[in-house]
């Protein structure tokens, strides 16, 4: 929410699901995909 408050053109997500359990990971990824569609931003998703 802090990152999206200004409706950025680019969002950099650095390991956004690290240390979260599997069900919460899925919710966070679904959330990122949904707000990306709504705001039309580009997403740089950094992960291992």
ModelCIF file with pLDDT and N, C-alpha, C, O atoms, coordinates in Angstrom:
data_MODEL
#
_entry.id   MODEL 
#
_entity.id                         1 
_entity.type                       polymer 
_entity.pdbx_number_of_molecules   1 
#
_entity_poly.entity_id                      1 
_entity_poly.type                           'polypeptide(L)' 
_entity_poly.nstd_linkage                   no 
_entity_poly.nstd_monomer                   no 
_entity_poly.pdbx_seq_one_letter_code       
;(UNK)(UNK)(UNK)(UNK)(UNK)(UNK)(UNK)(UNK)(UNK)(UNK)(UNK)(UNK)(UNK)(UNK)(UNK)(UNK)
(UNK)(UNK)(UNK)(UNK)(UNK)(UNK)(UNK)(UNK)(UNK)(UNK)(UNK)(UNK)(UNK)(UNK)(UNK)(UNK)
(UNK)(UNK)(UNK)(UNK)(UNK)(UNK)(UNK)(UNK)(UNK)(UNK)(UNK)(UNK)(UNK)(UNK)(UNK)(UNK)
;
_entity_poly.pdbx_seq_one_letter_code_can   XXXXXXXXXXXXXXXXXXXXXXXXXXXXXXXXXXXXXXXXXXXXXXXX 
_entity_poly.pdbx_strand_id                 A 
#
loop_
_entity_poly_seq.entity_id 
_entity_poly_seq.num 
_entity_poly_seq.mon_id 
_entity_poly_seq.hetero 
1 1  UNK n 
1 2  UNK n 
1 3  UNK n 
1 4  UNK n 
1 5  UNK n 
1 6  UNK n 
1 7  UNK n 
1 8  UNK n 
1 9  UNK n 
1 10 UNK n 
1 11 UNK n 
1 12 UNK n 
1 13 UNK n 
1 14 UNK n 
1 15 UNK n 
1 16 UNK n 
1 17 UNK n 
1 18 UNK n 
1 19 UNK n 
1 20 UNK n 
1 21 UNK n 
1 22 UNK n 
1 23 UNK n 
1 24 UNK n 
1 25 UNK n 
1 26 UNK n 
1 27 UNK n 
1 28 UNK n 
1 29 UNK n 
1 30 UNK n 
1 31 UNK n 
1 32 UNK n 
1 33 UNK n 
1 34 UNK n 
1 35 UNK n 
1 36 UNK n 
1 37 UNK n 
1 38 UNK n 
1 39 UNK n 
1 40 UNK n 
1 41 UNK n 
1 42 UNK n 
1 43 UNK n 
1 44 UNK n 
1 45 UNK n 
1 46 UNK n 
1 47 UNK n 
1 48 UNK n 
#
_struct_asym.id          A 
_struct_asym.entity_id   1 
#
loop_
_ma_qa_metric.id 
_ma_qa_metric.mode 
_ma_qa_metric.name 
_ma_qa_metric.software_group_id 
_ma_qa_metric.type 
1 global pLDDT . pLDDT 
2 local  pLDDT . pLDDT 
#
_ma_qa_metric_global.metric_id      1 
_ma_qa_metric_global.metric_value   83.69 
_ma_qa_metric_global.model_id       1 
_ma_qa_metric_global.ordinal_id     1 
#
loop_
_ma_qa_metric_local.label_asym_id 
_ma_qa_metric_local.label_comp_id 
_ma_qa_metric_local.label_seq_id 
_ma_qa_metric_local.metric_id 
_ma_qa_metric_local.metric_value 
_ma_qa_metric_local.model_id 
_ma_qa_metric_local.ordinal_id 
A UNK 1  2 87.00 1 1  
A UNK 2  2 87.00 1 2  
A UNK 3  2 86.00 1 3  
A UNK 4  2 84.00 1 4  
A UNK 5  2 85.00 1 5  
A UNK 6  2 84.00 1 6  
A UNK 7  2 86.00 1 7  
A UNK 8  2 89.00 1 8  
A UNK 9  2 91.00 1 9  
A UNK 10 2 93.00 1 10 
A UNK 11 2 92.00 1 11 
A UNK 12 2 93.00 1 12 
A UNK 13 2 89.00 1 13 
A UNK 14 2 87.00 1 14 
A UNK 15 2 83.00 1 15 
A UNK 16 2 79.00 1 16 
A UNK 17 2 74.00 1 17 
A UNK 18 2 69.00 1 18 
A UNK 19 2 63.00 1 19 
A UNK 20 2 66.00 1 20 
A UNK 21 2 71.00 1 21 
A UNK 22 2 74.00 1 22 
A UNK 23 2 74.00 1 23 
A UNK 24 2 75.00 1 24 
A UNK 25 2 77.00 1 25 
A UNK 26 2 81.00 1 26 
A UNK 27 2 80.00 1 27 
A UNK 28 2 79.00 1 28 
A UNK 29 2 84.00 1 29 
A UNK 30 2 85.00 1 30 
A UNK 31 2 82.00 1 31 
A UNK 32 2 85.00 1 32 
A UNK 33 2 86.00 1 33 
A UNK 34 2 85.00 1 34 
A UNK 35 2 82.00 1 35 
A UNK 36 2 87.00 1 36 
A UNK 37 2 86.00 1 37 
A UNK 38 2 83.00 1 38 
A UNK 39 2 82.00 1 39 
A UNK 40 2 86.00 1 40 
A UNK 41 2 90.00 1 41 
A UNK 42 2 93.00 1 42 
A UNK 43 2 93.00 1 43 
A UNK 44 2 94.00 1 44 
A UNK 45 2 93.00 1 45 
A UNK 46 2 92.00 1 46 
A UNK 47 2 88.00 1 47 
A UNK 48 2 83.00 1 48 
#
loop_
_atom_site.group_PDB 
_atom_site.id 
_atom_site.type_symbol 
_atom_site.label_atom_id 
_atom_site.label_alt_id 
_atom_site.label_comp_id 
_atom_site.label_asym_id 
_atom_site.label_entity_id 
_atom_site.label_seq_id 
_atom_site.pdbx_PDB_ins_code 
_atom_site.Cartn_x 
_atom_site.Cartn_y 
_atom_site.Cartn_z 
_atom_site.occupancy 
_atom_site.B_iso_or_equiv 
_atom_site.pdbx_formal_charge 
_atom_site.auth_seq_id 
_atom_site.auth_comp_id 
_atom_site.auth_asym_id 
_atom_site.auth_atom_id 
_atom_site.pdbx_PDB_model_num 
ATOM 1   N N  . UNK A 1 1  ? 0.826  -1.211  0.000   1.00 87.00 ? 1  UNK A N  1 
ATOM 2   C CA . UNK A 1 1  ? 0.000  0.000   0.000   1.00 87.00 ? 1  UNK A CA 1 
ATOM 3   C C  . UNK A 1 1  ? 0.857  1.257   0.000   1.00 87.00 ? 1  UNK A C  1 
ATOM 4   O O  . UNK A 1 1  ? 0.539  2.217   -0.701  1.00 87.00 ? 1  UNK A O  1 
ATOM 5   N N  . UNK A 1 2  ? 1.947  1.268   0.780   1.00 87.00 ? 2  UNK A N  1 
ATOM 6   C CA . UNK A 1 2  ? 2.863  2.406   0.806   1.00 87.00 ? 2  UNK A CA 1 
ATOM 7   C C  . UNK A 1 2  ? 3.472  2.642   -0.572  1.00 87.00 ? 2  UNK A C  1 
ATOM 8   O O  . UNK A 1 2  ? 3.608  3.782   -1.017  1.00 87.00 ? 2  UNK A O  1 
ATOM 9   N N  . UNK A 1 3  ? 3.836  1.548   -1.242  1.00 86.00 ? 3  UNK A N  1 
ATOM 10  C CA . UNK A 1 3  ? 4.473  1.672   -2.548  1.00 86.00 ? 3  UNK A CA 1 
ATOM 11  C C  . UNK A 1 3  ? 3.498  2.159   -3.613  1.00 86.00 ? 3  UNK A C  1 
ATOM 12  O O  . UNK A 1 3  ? 3.896  2.828   -4.566  1.00 86.00 ? 3  UNK A O  1 
ATOM 13  N N  . UNK A 1 4  ? 2.209  1.820   -3.450  1.00 84.00 ? 4  UNK A N  1 
ATOM 14  C CA . UNK A 1 4  ? 1.232  2.120   -4.498  1.00 84.00 ? 4  UNK A CA 1 
ATOM 15  C C  . UNK A 1 4  ? 0.496  3.435   -4.283  1.00 84.00 ? 4  UNK A C  1 
ATOM 16  O O  . UNK A 1 4  ? -0.268 3.854   -5.153  1.00 84.00 ? 4  UNK A O  1 
ATOM 17  N N  . UNK A 1 5  ? 0.703  4.089   -3.163  1.00 85.00 ? 5  UNK A N  1 
ATOM 18  C CA . UNK A 1 5  ? -0.129 5.236   -2.817  1.00 85.00 ? 5  UNK A CA 1 
ATOM 19  C C  . UNK A 1 5  ? -0.041 6.360   -3.847  1.00 85.00 ? 5  UNK A C  1 
ATOM 20  O O  . UNK A 1 5  ? -0.996 7.118   -4.012  1.00 85.00 ? 5  UNK A O  1 
ATOM 21  N N  . UNK A 1 6  ? 1.095  6.478   -4.542  1.00 84.00 ? 6  UNK A N  1 
ATOM 22  C CA . UNK A 1 6  ? 1.253  7.535   -5.552  1.00 84.00 ? 6  UNK A CA 1 
ATOM 23  C C  . UNK A 1 6  ? 1.009  7.015   -6.977  1.00 84.00 ? 6  UNK A C  1 
ATOM 24  O O  . UNK A 1 6  ? 1.289  7.715   -7.951  1.00 84.00 ? 6  UNK A O  1 
ATOM 25  N N  . UNK A 1 7  ? 0.492  5.797   -7.093  1.00 86.00 ? 7  UNK A N  1 
ATOM 26  C CA . UNK A 1 7  ? 0.216  5.179   -8.398  1.00 86.00 ? 7  UNK A CA 1 
ATOM 27  C C  . UNK A 1 7  ? 1.455  5.214   -9.305  1.00 86.00 ? 7  UNK A C  1 
ATOM 28  O O  . UNK A 1 7  ? 1.446  5.885   -10.337 1.00 86.00 ? 7  UNK A O  1 
ATOM 29  N N  . UNK A 1 8  ? 2.509  4.502   -8.927  1.00 89.00 ? 8  UNK A N  1 
ATOM 30  C CA . UNK A 1 8  ? 3.772  4.564   -9.681  1.00 89.00 ? 8  UNK A CA 1 
ATOM 31  C C  . UNK A 1 8  ? 3.660  3.918   -11.053 1.00 89.00 ? 8  UNK A C  1 
ATOM 32  O O  . UNK A 1 8  ? 2.782  3.091   -11.300 1.00 89.00 ? 8  UNK A O  1 
ATOM 33  N N  . UNK A 1 9  ? 4.569  4.313   -11.941 1.00 91.00 ? 9  UNK A N  1 
ATOM 34  C CA . UNK A 1 9  ? 4.656  3.682   -13.257 1.00 91.00 ? 9  UNK A CA 1 
ATOM 35  C C  . UNK A 1 9  ? 5.397  2.358   -13.172 1.00 91.00 ? 9  UNK A C  1 
ATOM 36  O O  . UNK A 1 9  ? 5.144  1.451   -13.966 1.00 91.00 ? 9  UNK A O  1 
ATOM 37  N N  . UNK A 1 10 ? 6.324  2.238   -12.198 1.00 93.00 ? 10 UNK A N  1 
ATOM 38  C CA . UNK A 1 10 ? 7.120  1.020   -12.011 1.00 93.00 ? 10 UNK A CA 1 
ATOM 39  C C  . UNK A 1 10 ? 7.104  0.651   -10.532 1.00 93.00 ? 10 UNK A C  1 
ATOM 40  O O  . UNK A 1 10 ? 7.343  1.495   -9.669  1.00 93.00 ? 10 UNK A O  1 
ATOM 41  N N  . UNK A 1 11 ? 6.821  -0.617  -10.252 1.00 92.00 ? 11 UNK A N  1 
ATOM 42  C CA . UNK A 1 11 ? 6.921  -1.142  -8.899  1.00 92.00 ? 11 UNK A CA 1 
ATOM 43  C C  . UNK A 1 11 ? 8.006  -2.213  -8.879  1.00 92.00 ? 11 UNK A C  1 
ATOM 44  O O  . UNK A 1 11 ? 7.958  -3.169  -9.653  1.00 92.00 ? 11 UNK A O  1 
ATOM 45  N N  . UNK A 1 12 ? 8.988  -2.046  -7.986  1.00 93.00 ? 12 UNK A N  1 
ATOM 46  C CA . UNK A 1 12 ? 10.042 -3.040  -7.788  1.00 93.00 ? 12 UNK A CA 1 
ATOM 47  C C  . UNK A 1 12 ? 9.681  -3.826  -6.532  1.00 93.00 ? 12 UNK A C  1 
ATOM 48  O O  . UNK A 1 12 ? 9.606  -3.258  -5.443  1.00 93.00 ? 12 UNK A O  1 
ATOM 49  N N  . UNK A 1 13 ? 9.459  -5.126  -6.681  1.00 89.00 ? 13 UNK A N  1 
ATOM 50  C CA . UNK A 1 13 ? 9.110  -5.986  -5.554  1.00 89.00 ? 13 UNK A CA 1 
ATOM 51  C C  . UNK A 1 13 ? 10.265 -6.943  -5.308  1.00 89.00 ? 13 UNK A C  1 
ATOM 52  O O  . UNK A 1 13 ? 10.493 -7.870  -6.086  1.00 89.00 ? 13 UNK A O  1 
ATOM 53  N N  . UNK A 1 14 ? 10.997 -6.710  -4.216  1.00 87.00 ? 14 UNK A N  1 
ATOM 54  C CA . UNK A 1 14 ? 12.176 -7.514  -3.902  1.00 87.00 ? 14 UNK A CA 1 
ATOM 55  C C  . UNK A 1 14 ? 11.792 -8.620  -2.932  1.00 87.00 ? 14 UNK A C  1 
ATOM 56  O O  . UNK A 1 14 ? 11.565 -8.365  -1.749  1.00 87.00 ? 14 UNK A O  1 
ATOM 57  N N  . UNK A 1 15 ? 11.719 -9.847  -3.431  1.00 83.00 ? 15 UNK A N  1 
ATOM 58  C CA . UNK A 1 15 ? 11.350 -11.009 -2.630  1.00 83.00 ? 15 UNK A CA 1 
ATOM 59  C C  . UNK A 1 15 ? 10.091 -10.724 -1.800  1.00 83.00 ? 15 UNK A C  1 
ATOM 60  O O  . UNK A 1 15 ? 10.135 -10.836 -0.575  1.00 83.00 ? 15 UNK A O  1 
ATOM 61  N N  . UNK A 1 16 ? 8.971  -10.360 -2.440  1.00 79.00 ? 16 UNK A N  1 
ATOM 62  C CA . UNK A 1 16 ? 7.797  -9.927  -1.669  1.00 79.00 ? 16 UNK A CA 1 
ATOM 63  C C  . UNK A 1 16 ? 7.124  -11.033 -0.883  1.00 79.00 ? 16 UNK A C  1 
ATOM 64  O O  . UNK A 1 16 ? 6.293  -10.750 -0.021  1.00 79.00 ? 16 UNK A O  1 
ATOM 65  N N  . UNK A 1 17 ? 7.465  -12.309 -1.160  1.00 74.00 ? 17 UNK A N  1 
ATOM 66  C CA . UNK A 1 17 ? 6.803  -13.410 -0.454  1.00 74.00 ? 17 UNK A CA 1 
ATOM 67  C C  . UNK A 1 17 ? 7.746  -14.176 0.480   1.00 74.00 ? 17 UNK A C  1 
ATOM 68  O O  . UNK A 1 17 ? 7.360  -15.199 1.045   1.00 74.00 ? 17 UNK A O  1 
ATOM 69  N N  . UNK A 1 18 ? 8.970  -13.690 0.642   1.00 69.00 ? 18 UNK A N  1 
ATOM 70  C CA . UNK A 1 18 ? 9.916  -14.368 1.531   1.00 69.00 ? 18 UNK A CA 1 
ATOM 71  C C  . UNK A 1 18 ? 9.395  -14.371 2.970   1.00 69.00 ? 18 UNK A C  1 
ATOM 72  O O  . UNK A 1 18 ? 8.841  -13.377 3.441   1.00 69.00 ? 18 UNK A O  1 
ATOM 73  N N  . UNK A 1 19 ? 9.577  -15.495 3.659   1.00 63.00 ? 19 UNK A N  1 
ATOM 74  C CA . UNK A 1 19 ? 9.221  -15.666 5.074   1.00 63.00 ? 19 UNK A CA 1 
ATOM 75  C C  . UNK A 1 19 ? 7.710  -15.708 5.311   1.00 63.00 ? 19 UNK A C  1 
ATOM 76  O O  . UNK A 1 19 ? 7.264  -15.661 6.457   1.00 63.00 ? 19 UNK A O  1 
ATOM 77  N N  . UNK A 1 20 ? 6.916  -15.795 4.233   1.00 66.00 ? 20 UNK A N  1 
ATOM 78  C CA . UNK A 1 20 ? 5.477  -15.945 4.393   1.00 66.00 ? 20 UNK A CA 1 
ATOM 79  C C  . UNK A 1 20 ? 5.092  -17.386 4.090   1.00 66.00 ? 20 UNK A C  1 
ATOM 80  O O  . UNK A 1 20 ? 5.734  -18.046 3.273   1.00 66.00 ? 20 UNK A O  1 
ATOM 81  N N  . UNK A 1 21 ? 4.043  -17.876 4.746   1.00 71.00 ? 21 UNK A N  1 
ATOM 82  C CA . UNK A 1 21 ? 3.639  -19.244 4.460   1.00 71.00 ? 21 UNK A CA 1 
ATOM 83  C C  . UNK A 1 21 ? 2.993  -19.313 3.079   1.00 71.00 ? 21 UNK A C  1 
ATOM 84  O O  . UNK A 1 21 ? 2.676  -18.285 2.481   1.00 71.00 ? 21 UNK A O  1 
ATOM 85  N N  . UNK A 1 22 ? 2.801  -20.521 2.581   1.00 74.00 ? 22 UNK A N  1 
ATOM 86  C CA . UNK A 1 22 ? 2.434  -20.719 1.181   1.00 74.00 ? 22 UNK A CA 1 
ATOM 87  C C  . UNK A 1 22 ? 1.113  -20.051 0.830   1.00 74.00 ? 22 UNK A C  1 
ATOM 88  O O  . UNK A 1 22 ? 0.995  -19.438 -0.231  1.00 74.00 ? 22 UNK A O  1 
ATOM 89  N N  . UNK A 1 23 ? 0.122  -20.159 1.700   1.00 74.00 ? 23 UNK A N  1 
ATOM 90  C CA . UNK A 1 23 ? -1.175 -19.561 1.371   1.00 74.00 ? 23 UNK A CA 1 
ATOM 91  C C  . UNK A 1 23 ? -1.088 -18.041 1.322   1.00 74.00 ? 23 UNK A C  1 
ATOM 92  O O  . UNK A 1 23 ? -1.719 -17.411 0.473   1.00 74.00 ? 23 UNK A O  1 
ATOM 93  N N  . UNK A 1 24 ? -0.303 -17.442 2.235   1.00 75.00 ? 24 UNK A N  1 
ATOM 94  C CA . UNK A 1 24 ? -0.141 -15.987 2.227   1.00 75.00 ? 24 UNK A CA 1 
ATOM 95  C C  . UNK A 1 24 ? 0.669  -15.559 1.004   1.00 75.00 ? 24 UNK A C  1 
ATOM 96  O O  . UNK A 1 24 ? 0.383  -14.517 0.414   1.00 75.00 ? 24 UNK A O  1 
ATOM 97  N N  . UNK A 1 25 ? 1.681  -16.352 0.612   1.00 77.00 ? 25 UNK A N  1 
ATOM 98  C CA . UNK A 1 25 ? 2.430  -16.060 -0.607  1.00 77.00 ? 25 UNK A CA 1 
ATOM 99  C C  . UNK A 1 25 ? 1.502  -15.944 -1.797  1.00 77.00 ? 25 UNK A C  1 
ATOM 100 O O  . UNK A 1 25 ? 1.598  -14.998 -2.579  1.00 77.00 ? 25 UNK A O  1 
ATOM 101 N N  . UNK A 1 26 ? 0.603  -16.903 -1.935  1.00 81.00 ? 26 UNK A N  1 
ATOM 102 C CA . UNK A 1 26 ? -0.329 -16.887 -3.067  1.00 81.00 ? 26 UNK A CA 1 
ATOM 103 C C  . UNK A 1 26 ? -1.216 -15.647 -3.027  1.00 81.00 ? 26 UNK A C  1 
ATOM 104 O O  . UNK A 1 26 ? -1.505 -15.060 -4.070  1.00 81.00 ? 26 UNK A O  1 
ATOM 105 N N  . UNK A 1 27 ? -1.653 -15.244 -1.833  1.00 80.00 ? 27 UNK A N  1 
ATOM 106 C CA . UNK A 1 27 ? -2.496 -14.058 -1.705  1.00 80.00 ? 27 UNK A CA 1 
ATOM 107 C C  . UNK A 1 27 ? -1.736 -12.795 -2.107  1.00 80.00 ? 27 UNK A C  1 
ATOM 108 O O  . UNK A 1 27 ? -2.289 -11.925 -2.778  1.00 80.00 ? 27 UNK A O  1 
ATOM 109 N N  . UNK A 1 28 ? -0.465 -12.694 -1.695  1.00 79.00 ? 28 UNK A N  1 
ATOM 110 C CA . UNK A 1 28 ? 0.335  -11.510 -2.027  1.00 79.00 ? 28 UNK A CA 1 
ATOM 111 C C  . UNK A 1 28 ? 0.571  -11.433 -3.535  1.00 79.00 ? 28 UNK A C  1 
ATOM 112 O O  . UNK A 1 28 ? 0.470  -10.354 -4.118  1.00 79.00 ? 28 UNK A O  1 
ATOM 113 N N  . UNK A 1 29 ? 0.884  -12.561 -4.173  1.00 84.00 ? 29 UNK A N  1 
ATOM 114 C CA . UNK A 1 29 ? 1.111  -12.564 -5.623  1.00 84.00 ? 29 UNK A CA 1 
ATOM 115 C C  . UNK A 1 29 ? -0.169 -12.230 -6.371  1.00 84.00 ? 29 UNK A C  1 
ATOM 116 O O  . UNK A 1 29 ? -0.141 -11.501 -7.362  1.00 84.00 ? 29 UNK A O  1 
ATOM 117 N N  . UNK A 1 30 ? -1.288 -12.759 -5.901  1.00 85.00 ? 30 UNK A N  1 
ATOM 118 C CA . UNK A 1 30 ? -2.572 -12.429 -6.526  1.00 85.00 ? 30 UNK A CA 1 
ATOM 119 C C  . UNK A 1 30 ? -2.889 -10.942 -6.355  1.00 85.00 ? 30 UNK A C  1 
ATOM 120 O O  . UNK A 1 30 ? -3.414 -10.298 -7.264  1.00 85.00 ? 30 UNK A O  1 
ATOM 121 N N  . UNK A 1 31 ? -2.561 -10.411 -5.178  1.00 82.00 ? 31 UNK A N  1 
ATOM 122 C CA . UNK A 1 31 ? -2.768 -8.983  -4.921  1.00 82.00 ? 31 UNK A CA 1 
ATOM 123 C C  . UNK A 1 31 ? -1.929 -8.138  -5.868  1.00 82.00 ? 31 UNK A C  1 
ATOM 124 O O  . UNK A 1 31 ? -2.442 -7.185  -6.456  1.00 82.00 ? 31 UNK A O  1 
ATOM 125 N N  . UNK A 1 32 ? -0.651 -8.465  -6.029  1.00 85.00 ? 32 UNK A N  1 
ATOM 126 C CA . UNK A 1 32 ? 0.217  -7.704  -6.932  1.00 85.00 ? 32 UNK A CA 1 
ATOM 127 C C  . UNK A 1 32 ? -0.320 -7.735  -8.355  1.00 85.00 ? 32 UNK A C  1 
ATOM 128 O O  . UNK A 1 32 ? -0.328 -6.710  -9.036  1.00 85.00 ? 32 UNK A O  1 
ATOM 129 N N  . UNK A 1 33 ? -0.771 -8.909  -8.813  1.00 86.00 ? 33 UNK A N  1 
ATOM 130 C CA . UNK A 1 33 ? -1.305 -9.026  -10.167 1.00 86.00 ? 33 UNK A CA 1 
ATOM 131 C C  . UNK A 1 33 ? -2.566 -8.181  -10.331 1.00 86.00 ? 33 UNK A C  1 
ATOM 132 O O  . UNK A 1 33 ? -2.761 -7.547  -11.369 1.00 86.00 ? 33 UNK A O  1 
ATOM 133 N N  . UNK A 1 34 ? -3.420 -8.173  -9.310  1.00 85.00 ? 34 UNK A N  1 
ATOM 134 C CA . UNK A 1 34 ? -4.676 -7.421  -9.408  1.00 85.00 ? 34 UNK A CA 1 
ATOM 135 C C  . UNK A 1 34 ? -4.429 -5.918  -9.440  1.00 85.00 ? 34 UNK A C  1 
ATOM 136 O O  . UNK A 1 34 ? -4.984 -5.218  -10.287 1.00 85.00 ? 34 UNK A O  1 
ATOM 137 N N  . UNK A 1 35 ? -3.599 -5.414  -8.526  1.00 82.00 ? 35 UNK A N  1 
ATOM 138 C CA . UNK A 1 35 ? -3.368 -3.967  -8.509  1.00 82.00 ? 35 UNK A CA 1 
ATOM 139 C C  . UNK A 1 35 ? -2.564 -3.529  -9.743  1.00 82.00 ? 35 UNK A C  1 
ATOM 140 O O  . UNK A 1 35 ? -2.695 -2.392  -10.198 1.00 82.00 ? 35 UNK A O  1 
ATOM 141 N N  . UNK A 1 36 ? -1.739 -4.427  -10.279 1.00 87.00 ? 36 UNK A N  1 
ATOM 142 C CA . UNK A 1 36 ? -1.027 -4.100  -11.510 1.00 87.00 ? 36 UNK A CA 1 
ATOM 143 C C  . UNK A 1 36 ? -2.018 -3.887  -12.647 1.00 87.00 ? 36 UNK A C  1 
ATOM 144 O O  . UNK A 1 36 ? -1.882 -2.947  -13.430 1.00 87.00 ? 36 UNK A O  1 
ATOM 145 N N  . UNK A 1 37 ? -3.015 -4.762  -12.735 1.00 86.00 ? 37 UNK A N  1 
ATOM 146 C CA . UNK A 1 37 ? -4.034 -4.598  -13.779 1.00 86.00 ? 37 UNK A CA 1 
ATOM 147 C C  . UNK A 1 37 ? -4.825 -3.316  -13.570 1.00 86.00 ? 37 UNK A C  1 
ATOM 148 O O  . UNK A 1 37 ? -5.119 -2.600  -14.528 1.00 86.00 ? 37 UNK A O  1 
ATOM 149 N N  . UNK A 1 38 ? -5.169 -3.027  -12.327 1.00 83.00 ? 38 UNK A N  1 
ATOM 150 C CA . UNK A 1 38 ? -6.001 -1.858  -12.045 1.00 83.00 ? 38 UNK A CA 1 
ATOM 151 C C  . UNK A 1 38 ? -5.255 -0.551  -12.283 1.00 83.00 ? 38 UNK A C  1 
ATOM 152 O O  . UNK A 1 38 ? -5.843 0.422   -12.756 1.00 83.00 ? 38 UNK A O  1 
ATOM 153 N N  . UNK A 1 39 ? -3.963 -0.521  -11.958 1.00 82.00 ? 39 UNK A N  1 
ATOM 154 C CA . UNK A 1 39 ? -3.185 0.715   -12.066 1.00 82.00 ? 39 UNK A CA 1 
ATOM 155 C C  . UNK A 1 39 ? -2.378 0.799   -13.355 1.00 82.00 ? 39 UNK A C  1 
ATOM 156 O O  . UNK A 1 39 ? -1.886 1.873   -13.702 1.00 82.00 ? 39 UNK A O  1 
ATOM 157 N N  . UNK A 1 40 ? -2.231 -0.332  -14.084 1.00 86.00 ? 40 UNK A N  1 
ATOM 158 C CA . UNK A 1 40 ? -1.499 -0.327  -15.350 1.00 86.00 ? 40 UNK A CA 1 
ATOM 159 C C  . UNK A 1 40 ? -0.004 -0.118  -15.208 1.00 86.00 ? 40 UNK A C  1 
ATOM 160 O O  . UNK A 1 40 ? 0.641  0.386   -16.128 1.00 86.00 ? 40 UNK A O  1 
ATOM 161 N N  . UNK A 1 41 ? 0.556  -0.498  -14.070 1.00 90.00 ? 41 UNK A N  1 
ATOM 162 C CA . UNK A 1 41 ? 1.987  -0.255  -13.847 1.00 90.00 ? 41 UNK A CA 1 
ATOM 163 C C  . UNK A 1 41 ? 2.812  -1.440  -14.341 1.00 90.00 ? 41 UNK A C  1 
ATOM 164 O O  . UNK A 1 41 ? 2.287  -2.529  -14.575 1.00 90.00 ? 41 UNK A O  1 
ATOM 165 N N  . UNK A 1 42 ? 4.109  -1.206  -14.493 1.00 93.00 ? 42 UNK A N  1 
ATOM 166 C CA . UNK A 1 42 ? 5.069  -2.270  -14.800 1.00 93.00 ? 42 UNK A CA 1 
ATOM 167 C C  . UNK A 1 42 ? 5.613  -2.800  -13.477 1.00 93.00 ? 42 UNK A C  1 
ATOM 168 O O  . UNK A 1 42 ? 5.794  -2.046  -12.521 1.00 93.00 ? 42 UNK A O  1 
ATOM 169 N N  . UNK A 1 43 ? 5.874  -4.117  -13.435 1.00 93.00 ? 43 UNK A N  1 
ATOM 170 C CA . UNK A 1 43 ? 6.312  -4.758  -12.194 1.00 93.00 ? 43 UNK A CA 1 
ATOM 171 C C  . UNK A 1 43 ? 7.635  -5.471  -12.423 1.00 93.00 ? 43 UNK A C  1 
ATOM 172 O O  . UNK A 1 43 ? 7.753  -6.314  -13.313 1.00 93.00 ? 43 UNK A O  1 
ATOM 173 N N  . UNK A 1 44 ? 8.631  -5.125  -11.609 1.00 94.00 ? 44 UNK A N  1 
ATOM 174 C CA . UNK A 1 44 ? 9.919  -5.818  -11.607 1.00 94.00 ? 44 UNK A CA 1 
ATOM 175 C C  . UNK A 1 44 ? 9.906  -6.738  -10.393 1.00 94.00 ? 44 UNK A C  1 
ATOM 176 O O  . UNK A 1 44 ? 10.035 -6.278  -9.258  1.00 94.00 ? 44 UNK A O  1 
ATOM 177 N N  . UNK A 1 45 ? 9.752  -8.033  -10.632 1.00 93.00 ? 45 UNK A N  1 
ATOM 178 C CA . UNK A 1 45 ? 9.567  -9.017  -9.565  1.00 93.00 ? 45 UNK A CA 1 
ATOM 179 C C  . UNK A 1 45 ? 10.867 -9.769  -9.329  1.00 93.00 ? 45 UNK A C  1 
ATOM 180 O O  . UNK A 1 45 ? 11.280 -10.575 -10.162 1.00 93.00 ? 45 UNK A O  1 
ATOM 181 N N  . UNK A 1 46 ? 11.514 -9.509  -8.195  1.00 92.00 ? 46 UNK A N  1 
ATOM 182 C CA . UNK A 1 46 ? 12.821 -10.092 -7.883  1.00 92.00 ? 46 UNK A CA 1 
ATOM 183 C C  . UNK A 1 46 ? 12.609 -11.255 -6.916  1.00 92.00 ? 46 UNK A C  1 
ATOM 184 O O  . UNK A 1 46 ? 11.989 -11.083 -5.867  1.00 92.00 ? 46 UNK A O  1 
ATOM 185 N N  . UNK A 1 47 ? 13.120 -12.433 -7.261  1.00 88.00 ? 47 UNK A N  1 
ATOM 186 C CA . UNK A 1 47 ? 12.890 -13.608 -6.446  1.00 88.00 ? 47 UNK A CA 1 
ATOM 187 C C  . UNK A 1 47 ? 13.936 -14.679 -6.727  1.00 88.00 ? 47 UNK A C  1 
ATOM 188 O O  . UNK A 1 47 ? 14.605 -14.652 -7.760  1.00 88.00 ? 47 UNK A O  1 
ATOM 189 N N  . UNK A 1 48 ? 14.072 -15.618 -5.798  1.00 83.00 ? 48 UNK A N  1 
ATOM 190 C CA . UNK A 1 48 ? 14.891 -16.801 -6.036  1.00 83.00 ? 48 UNK A CA 1 
ATOM 191 C C  . UNK A 1 48 ? 14.010 -17.995 -6.373  1.00 83.00 ? 48 UNK A C  1 
ATOM 192 O O  . UNK A 1 48 ? 14.520 -19.091 -6.608  1.00 83.00 ? 48 UNK A O  1 
#
